Amino acid sequence: MSEESAIERLKRAVIARTGHHYYSDKDKLLYERSRERMRALGVATLEAYVDVLERGDGEEWRRLEDVITIGETYFFRYPEHFVALREDVLPRLIDARRSERALRIWSIGCSNGAEPYSVAILLRELLGSQIDSWRIAIIGGDISEKALSAARIA
């Protein structure tokens, strides 16, 4: 089997497992990131590495996910998103949930957690002195176990 078809198998497997389409048009980058894991396992070809993944090695999948995820995070990343949250999304959620005084927010793909903290800052600004009378849960999630471990420590 050629390396080209192995990279196609890898892309399909990554998308099926993670829903992560970032590498759908970045064969060289995906191959370079996968080579890190191939070297660690002593696997000589991409085809053999994809075989390892397809056999269902969950631990190896987690390690691959750690090397292929972006991992970039910082407060108020993508400012235009936070403008929309501040000016539209959060005010509407607050209005809709005012009688319950409860909000549950899930921030996904947030690496080690700067984005959920940014949402918390916005909520503090929007609710002001009323914030203590609200039940607010903000949960951060990411596919990278390495990023989640760093977030748990923080």
Protein backbone atom coordinates (compact mmCIF):
# COMPACT_ATOMS: atom_id res chain seq x y z
CA MET A 1 0.00 0.00 0.00
CA SER A 2 1.38 3.44 -0.86
CA GLU A 3 2.07 6.17 1.70
CA GLU A 4 -0.57 8.29 -0.04
CA SER A 5 -3.32 5.78 0.68
CA ALA A 6 -2.02 5.34 4.24
CA ILE A 7 -2.35 9.10 4.82
CA GLU A 8 -5.91 8.94 3.49
CA ARG A 9 -6.66 6.08 5.92
CA LEU A 10 -5.14 8.11 8.75
CA LYS A 11 -7.17 11.20 7.88
CA ARG A 12 -10.39 9.18 7.74
CA ALA A 13 -9.58 7.54 11.07
CA VAL A 14 -8.75 10.87 12.75
CA ILE A 15 -11.95 12.48 11.47
CA ALA A 16 -14.07 9.45 12.44
CA ARG A 17 -12.63 9.34 15.96
CA THR A 18 -12.36 13.04 16.71
CA GLY A 19 -14.53 14.94 14.24
CA HIS A 20 -11.39 17.04 13.75
CA HIS A 21 -11.17 18.07 10.07
CA TYR A 22 -8.19 20.39 10.47
CA TYR A 23 -5.83 18.03 8.64
CA SER A 24 -8.18 17.13 5.79
CA ASP A 25 -6.03 19.23 3.43
CA LYS A 26 -2.73 19.16 5.34
CA ASP A 27 -1.23 15.77 4.49
CA LYS A 28 2.39 16.80 5.04
CA LEU A 29 1.70 18.33 8.46
CA LEU A 30 -0.34 15.32 9.61
CA TYR A 31 2.39 12.98 8.42
CA GLU A 32 5.09 15.00 10.24
CA ARG A 33 3.10 14.97 13.49
CA SER A 34 2.37 11.24 13.10
CA ARG A 35 6.09 10.52 12.54
CA GLU A 36 6.75 11.68 16.09
CA ARG A 37 4.50 8.90 17.36
CA MET A 38 5.84 6.40 14.82
CA ARG A 39 9.40 6.99 16.08
CA ALA A 40 8.28 6.63 19.68
CA LEU A 41 6.72 3.25 18.87
CA GLY A 42 9.50 2.11 16.55
CA VAL A 43 7.04 1.81 13.66
CA ALA A 44 8.72 2.19 10.27
CA THR A 45 5.83 3.07 7.96
CA LEU A 46 2.70 5.16 8.15
CA GLU A 47 0.73 2.14 6.98
CA ALA A 48 1.94 0.11 9.97
CA TYR A 49 1.14 3.02 12.30
CA VAL A 50 -2.40 3.31 10.96
CA ASP A 51 -2.74 -0.44 11.52
CA VAL A 52 -1.84 0.11 15.20
CA LEU A 53 -4.53 2.79 15.48
CA GLU A 54 -7.13 0.73 13.63
CA ARG A 55 -6.58 -2.16 16.04
CA GLY A 56 -8.08 0.13 18.66
CA ASP A 57 -5.09 1.12 20.76
CA GLY A 58 -6.83 3.78 22.89
CA GLU A 59 -3.63 4.89 24.62
CA GLU A 60 -1.89 5.48 21.31
CA TRP A 61 -4.90 7.40 20.05
CA ARG A 62 -4.63 9.70 23.09
CA ARG A 63 -0.94 10.25 22.41
CA LEU A 64 -1.60 11.01 18.74
CA GLU A 65 -4.42 13.38 19.68
CA ASP A 66 -1.98 15.24 21.93
CA VAL A 67 0.47 15.79 19.06
CA ILE A 68 -2.09 16.69 16.40
CA THR A 69 -4.21 19.14 18.38
CA ILE A 70 -3.42 22.82 18.07
CA GLY A 71 -3.09 23.53 21.79
CA GLU A 72 -3.14 27.28 21.30
CA THR A 73 -5.05 29.08 24.01
CA TYR A 74 -5.08 32.48 25.61
CA PHE A 75 -7.54 34.84 27.21
CA PHE A 76 -10.10 36.30 24.81
CA ARG A 77 -8.74 34.31 21.87
CA TYR A 78 -10.66 35.23 18.71
CA PRO A 79 -11.79 38.65 19.94
CA GLU A 80 -14.71 38.77 17.49
CA HIS A 81 -16.20 35.71 19.18
CA PHE A 82 -15.98 37.37 22.56
CA VAL A 83 -17.58 40.54 21.20
CA ALA A 84 -20.50 38.39 20.02
CA LEU A 85 -20.66 36.68 23.41
CA ARG A 86 -20.55 40.00 25.30
CA GLU A 87 -23.01 41.89 23.11
CA ASP A 88 -25.44 39.22 21.96
CA VAL A 89 -25.16 35.61 23.15
CA LEU A 90 -24.61 36.01 26.90
CA PRO A 91 -27.15 38.85 27.37
CA ARG A 92 -29.79 36.70 25.66
CA LEU A 93 -28.90 33.69 27.81
CA ILE A 94 -29.03 35.81 30.95
CA ASP A 95 -32.44 37.19 29.99
CA ALA A 96 -33.77 33.73 29.13
CA ARG A 97 -32.54 32.24 32.41
CA ARG A 98 -33.23 35.19 34.72
CA SER A 99 -36.09 33.48 36.57
CA GLU A 100 -33.95 30.39 37.30
CA ARG A 101 -30.76 32.39 37.84
CA ALA A 102 -28.78 29.46 36.49
CA LEU A 103 -26.42 29.09 33.56
CA ARG A 104 -24.48 26.07 32.33
CA ILE A 105 -21.86 26.78 29.69
CA TRP A 106 -19.64 24.30 27.92
CA SER A 107 -16.44 25.59 26.31
CA ILE A 108 -15.11 22.91 24.01
CA GLY A 109 -11.70 22.82 22.37
CA CYS A 110 -10.30 25.12 25.03
CA SER A 111 -6.90 23.49 25.58
CA ASN A 112 -5.83 24.30 29.14
CA GLY A 113 -8.71 26.63 29.95
CA ALA A 114 -8.14 30.28 29.07
CA GLU A 115 -11.36 30.45 27.05
CA PRO A 116 -13.71 29.30 29.87
CA TYR A 117 -12.01 31.78 32.19
CA SER A 118 -12.61 34.47 29.57
CA VAL A 119 -16.32 33.56 29.55
CA ALA A 120 -16.34 33.79 33.35
CA ILE A 121 -14.82 37.28 33.15
CA LEU A 122 -17.54 38.35 30.70
CA LEU A 123 -20.27 36.97 32.96
CA ARG A 124 -18.83 38.84 35.95
CA GLU A 125 -18.86 42.05 33.88
CA LEU A 126 -22.40 41.48 32.61
CA LEU A 127 -23.96 40.40 35.90
CA GLY A 128 -21.97 42.70 38.16
CA SER A 129 -23.10 42.58 41.78
CA GLN A 130 -25.91 40.12 40.87
CA ILE A 131 -23.44 37.34 40.06
CA ASP A 132 -23.49 35.92 43.59
CA SER A 133 -27.22 35.21 43.29
CA TRP A 134 -26.67 33.06 40.17
CA ARG A 135 -25.68 29.39 39.90
CA ILE A 136 -23.15 29.32 37.09
CA ALA A 137 -21.30 26.25 35.82
CA ILE A 138 -18.66 26.65 33.14
CA ILE A 139 -17.12 23.43 31.91
CA GLY A 140 -14.08 23.32 29.66
CA GLY A 141 -13.28 20.39 27.45
CA ASP A 142 -10.63 19.37 24.98
CA ILE A 143 -9.63 16.25 23.10
CA SER A 144 -6.04 16.54 24.31
CA GLU A 145 -5.46 14.68 27.56
CA LYS A 146 -2.20 16.59 27.98
CA ALA A 147 -4.05 19.92 27.82
CA LEU A 148 -6.74 18.69 30.22
CA SER A 149 -4.11 17.54 32.70
CA ALA A 150 -2.53 21.02 32.64
CA ALA A 151 -5.96 22.59 33.14
CA ARG A 152 -6.71 20.33 36.13
CA ILE A 153 -3.46 21.36 37.79
CA ALA A 154 -4.21 25.05 37.23
